[in-house]
Protein backbone atom coordinates (compact mmCIF):
# COMPACT_ATOMS: atom_id res chain seq x y z
CA MET A 1 -42.95 45.36 54.61
CA SER A 2 -39.13 46.20 56.09
CA PHE A 3 -37.75 44.00 52.96
CA LEU A 4 -38.74 46.41 50.32
CA THR A 5 -36.70 49.43 49.17
CA PRO A 6 -38.06 53.29 50.50
CA GLN A 7 -38.80 53.16 46.11
CA VAL A 8 -41.12 50.06 45.88
CA SER A 9 -43.12 50.51 49.45
CA SER A 10 -43.33 54.13 48.22
CA ARG A 11 -45.00 53.07 44.98
CA LEU A 12 -47.30 50.80 47.13
CA ALA A 13 -48.63 53.05 49.31
CA ASN A 14 -49.34 55.28 46.31
CA PRO A 15 -50.48 53.71 43.59
CA GLY A 16 -50.15 55.09 39.79
CA LEU A 17 -48.17 58.29 41.40
CA PHE A 18 -44.73 57.52 39.80
CA GLU A 19 -46.46 56.14 36.68
CA ASN A 20 -48.15 59.50 35.96
CA GLN A 21 -45.16 61.71 36.67
CA ILE A 22 -43.01 60.01 34.35
CA ARG A 23 -46.03 60.13 31.58
CA ASN A 24 -46.41 63.79 32.54
CA TYR A 25 -42.31 64.71 32.43
CA PHE A 26 -42.65 63.02 28.72
CA ARG A 27 -45.53 65.18 27.94
CA ALA A 28 -43.90 68.38 29.25
CA SER A 29 -40.93 67.78 26.62
CA ASN A 30 -43.62 67.66 23.90
CA ASN A 31 -43.40 64.08 23.64
CA VAL A 32 -46.40 61.74 22.64
CA VAL A 33 -47.45 59.63 25.40
CA GLN A 34 -49.47 56.48 24.73
CA GLN A 35 -51.66 55.78 28.20
CA SER A 36 -51.36 51.86 27.30
CA LYS A 37 -47.63 51.34 27.85
CA THR A 38 -46.14 50.45 30.71
CA ILE A 39 -43.32 52.25 32.94
CA ALA A 40 -40.37 50.15 33.62
CA ASP A 41 -36.91 50.13 34.40
CA ARG A 42 -34.96 50.57 30.86
CA PRO A 43 -31.04 49.97 31.12
CA ILE A 44 -29.41 50.00 27.37
CA TYR A 45 -26.40 49.01 26.57
CA ASP A 46 -24.09 48.90 23.53
CA ALA A 47 -20.60 47.78 23.17
CA LYS A 48 -17.80 48.59 20.35
CA SER A 49 -14.29 47.64 19.48
CA CYS A 50 -11.89 50.32 19.65
CA ASP A 51 -9.17 48.83 17.85
CA GLY A 52 -6.32 51.39 16.50
CA GLN A 53 -9.16 54.05 16.56
CA THR A 54 -9.16 57.45 18.45
CA GLU A 55 -12.70 57.84 19.18
CA VAL A 56 -15.46 55.20 19.14
CA SER A 57 -19.42 56.13 19.29
CA LEU A 58 -21.54 54.01 20.60
CA PHE A 59 -25.62 53.33 19.81
CA THR A 60 -25.02 54.37 16.47
CA GLY A 61 -23.05 52.98 13.09
CA ASN A 62 -23.02 49.52 12.63
CA TYR A 63 -25.64 47.09 14.70
CA ASN A 64 -24.51 43.86 16.33
CA GLN A 65 -27.01 42.08 18.18
CA ALA A 66 -24.39 40.19 20.25
CA VAL A 67 -23.22 43.26 22.19
CA THR A 68 -26.39 45.71 22.24
CA ASN A 69 -29.98 44.88 24.09
CA LEU A 70 -31.74 47.19 21.62
CA GLU A 71 -33.85 44.94 19.12
CA GLY A 72 -32.94 44.88 15.55
CA SER A 73 -31.64 48.52 15.54
CA TYR A 74 -30.59 51.43 17.34
CA VAL A 75 -33.90 53.36 16.74
CA GLN A 76 -36.37 52.62 19.19
CA PRO A 77 -39.94 52.58 18.08
CA SER A 78 -42.02 56.11 18.26
CA SER A 79 -43.86 55.25 21.62
CA GLU A 80 -41.09 54.32 23.72
CA HIS A 81 -39.31 57.16 25.03
CA VAL A 82 -36.72 56.69 28.07
CA ILE A 83 -35.85 59.21 31.11
CA ILE A 84 -31.76 58.68 31.41
CA TYR A 85 -30.68 59.25 34.73
CA GLY A 86 -27.25 57.70 34.75
CA VAL A 87 -24.24 56.29 32.48
CA MET A 88 -22.10 53.26 33.06
CA PHE A 89 -19.20 52.20 31.43
CA HIS A 90 -17.45 48.79 31.19
CA THR A 91 -14.27 48.18 29.61
CA ASP A 92 -12.16 44.84 28.55
CA ASN A 93 -8.75 44.58 27.45
CA GLY A 94 -7.23 41.93 25.60
CA THR A 95 -10.44 40.17 23.66
CA PRO A 96 -9.68 40.37 19.89
CA ALA A 97 -12.20 42.14 17.65
CA ALA A 98 -13.26 38.69 16.26
CA ASN A 99 -14.39 37.69 19.67
CA PHE A 100 -15.95 41.11 20.57
CA ALA A 101 -18.39 40.61 17.88
CA LEU A 102 -19.57 37.60 19.13
CA GLY A 103 -20.23 38.78 22.40
CA GLU A 104 -17.34 37.10 24.04
CA CYS A 105 -15.91 40.15 26.27
CA VAL A 106 -14.90 39.95 30.09
CA TRP A 107 -16.44 43.16 31.48
CA GLN A 108 -15.36 44.94 34.35
CA LYS A 109 -16.73 48.36 35.45
CA GLY A 110 -15.30 51.72 35.12
CA PHE A 111 -11.84 52.79 32.90
CA THR A 112 -9.52 52.62 35.55
CA THR A 113 -10.27 48.46 36.59
CA GLY A 114 -8.16 45.81 36.68
CA ASN A 115 -8.83 45.42 32.78
CA ASN A 116 -7.51 48.70 32.82
CA PRO A 117 -4.54 49.48 35.21
CA VAL A 118 -4.03 53.53 34.17
CA SER A 119 -3.78 53.86 38.15
CA THR A 120 -0.98 50.96 39.10
CA GLY A 121 1.27 51.03 35.72
CA ASP A 122 0.82 47.38 35.20
CA THR A 123 2.47 47.13 31.70
CA ASN A 124 3.54 43.83 32.00
CA SER A 125 -0.18 41.91 31.72
CA GLU A 126 -2.43 44.88 30.21
CA LEU A 127 -2.22 48.40 28.59
CA PRO A 128 -3.91 51.22 29.95
CA ALA A 129 -6.06 53.18 28.07
CA PRO A 130 -5.11 56.64 27.56
CA ALA A 131 -6.83 59.47 29.22
CA LEU A 132 -10.68 60.03 27.91
CA ASN A 133 -13.09 62.02 27.06
CA ILE A 134 -17.04 61.16 26.57
CA THR A 135 -19.84 63.11 25.08
CA LEU A 136 -22.91 61.98 24.99
CA GLN A 137 -25.91 64.07 22.23
CA THR A 138 -29.71 63.03 21.60
CA ASN A 139 -31.42 64.28 18.37
CA GLY A 140 -28.56 66.66 17.74
CA VAL A 141 -28.84 68.21 21.37
CA VAL A 142 -25.28 68.00 23.28
CA TYR A 143 -25.81 67.30 26.86
CA LEU A 144 -22.76 65.90 28.07
CA ARG A 145 -19.50 67.59 26.39
CA GLU A 146 -16.02 65.76 26.53
CA VAL A 147 -16.55 65.22 30.25
CA TRP A 148 -13.30 63.54 31.59
CA GLY A 149 -13.43 59.49 31.70
CA GLY A 150 -11.97 59.52 35.69
CA ASP A 151 -15.85 60.99 36.49
CA TRP A 152 -16.63 57.41 36.11
CA ASP A 153 -14.26 55.77 38.27
CA SER A 154 -13.38 55.27 41.85
CA ASP A 155 -10.56 53.82 44.00
CA LEU A 156 -13.43 52.09 45.96
CA ILE A 157 -14.75 48.80 44.73
CA THR A 158 -18.48 49.66 45.17
CA GLN A 159 -21.88 49.37 42.98
CA SER A 160 -21.31 53.27 42.13
CA ARG A 161 -17.55 52.52 40.26
CA GLY A 162 -18.01 52.79 36.63
CA VAL A 163 -21.27 55.10 37.07
CA LEU A 164 -22.16 58.91 36.44
CA TYR A 165 -25.52 59.88 37.87
CA LEU A 166 -26.76 62.82 35.76
CA ASN A 167 -28.17 66.01 38.17
CA VAL A 168 -30.53 66.46 35.01
CA PRO A 169 -31.99 63.33 33.36
CA VAL A 170 -31.76 63.09 29.58
CA ILE A 171 -34.95 62.38 27.35
CA TRP A 172 -34.25 59.81 24.38
CA ALA A 173 -37.48 59.95 22.46
CA GLY A 174 -38.49 57.29 20.64
CA GLN A 175 -37.65 57.47 16.67
CA THR A 176 -34.75 59.66 17.42
CA SER A 177 -30.83 59.07 17.44
CA LEU A 178 -28.50 59.31 20.53
CA GLU A 179 -24.91 58.80 20.36
CA VAL A 180 -22.07 58.38 23.30
CA THR A 181 -18.97 58.96 21.75
CA VAL A 182 -15.46 58.19 23.52
CA ALA A 183 -12.49 59.77 22.31
CA THR A 184 -8.77 59.95 23.74
CA GLN A 185 -7.85 63.57 24.87
CA ASP A 186 -4.22 63.49 23.29
CA GLY A 187 -5.54 62.09 19.90
CA SER A 188 -3.49 58.77 20.33
CA ALA A 189 -5.09 55.12 19.35
CA PHE A 190 -6.48 53.11 21.85
CA PRO A 191 -4.65 49.63 22.66
CA LEU A 192 -5.29 46.88 20.41
CA ASN A 193 -8.10 44.23 21.96
CA TYR A 194 -9.49 47.19 23.72
CA ASN A 195 -13.66 47.15 23.86
CA ILE A 196 -15.75 49.74 25.34
CA ARG A 197 -19.23 48.96 26.78
CA CYS A 198 -21.98 51.97 27.53
CA GLU A 199 -25.09 51.31 29.62
CA LEU A 200 -27.57 53.83 30.02
CA LEU A 201 -29.59 53.17 33.21
CA GLY A 202 -33.17 54.37 32.46
CA ILE A 203 -36.93 54.52 32.99
CA GLY A 204 -39.35 54.61 30.23
CA LEU A 205 -42.14 53.04 28.57
CA ILE A 206 -42.68 49.62 26.94
């Protein structure tokens, strides 16, 4: 089956092994696992309008179904845990807050893409965002603290642009909080009509 990825081929050759490893990882972190739950890819995203603010927090605050794929609220069911192995950012520059709230942004990967030409200085058509710091915490524990936004960017246009893969996965347990904060390094405000979307790359129980 040469058309399959090595990961899929390995799962077919060892049925149930990967799923049991995921369940055991959750159990080792003192999380209750329901055996009936299915293991699946769990990309989870949220977005925020940054107009005039010095920092924004995602996966918390005012909930808007138009800009997130979490259903009903930012709190997941108690039986649905997620192992986060990567964090992806998209930016939009030029969509007013009213249109953002309707889900009408045009997203591009990373912080220094065509939507945010901080490296090209293209100020005639678009405004660059200031230098940024990113913090991720869940259930009160800080796993990423003020990581430079440039770590998400690359001059190469590849699928890895805008993505930071974690050396140590983060568990977002059901019924607990998770918050990703994006703040300007110098305390200046984000440009008007500037929006940020964060996507957590994960595997979890559904």
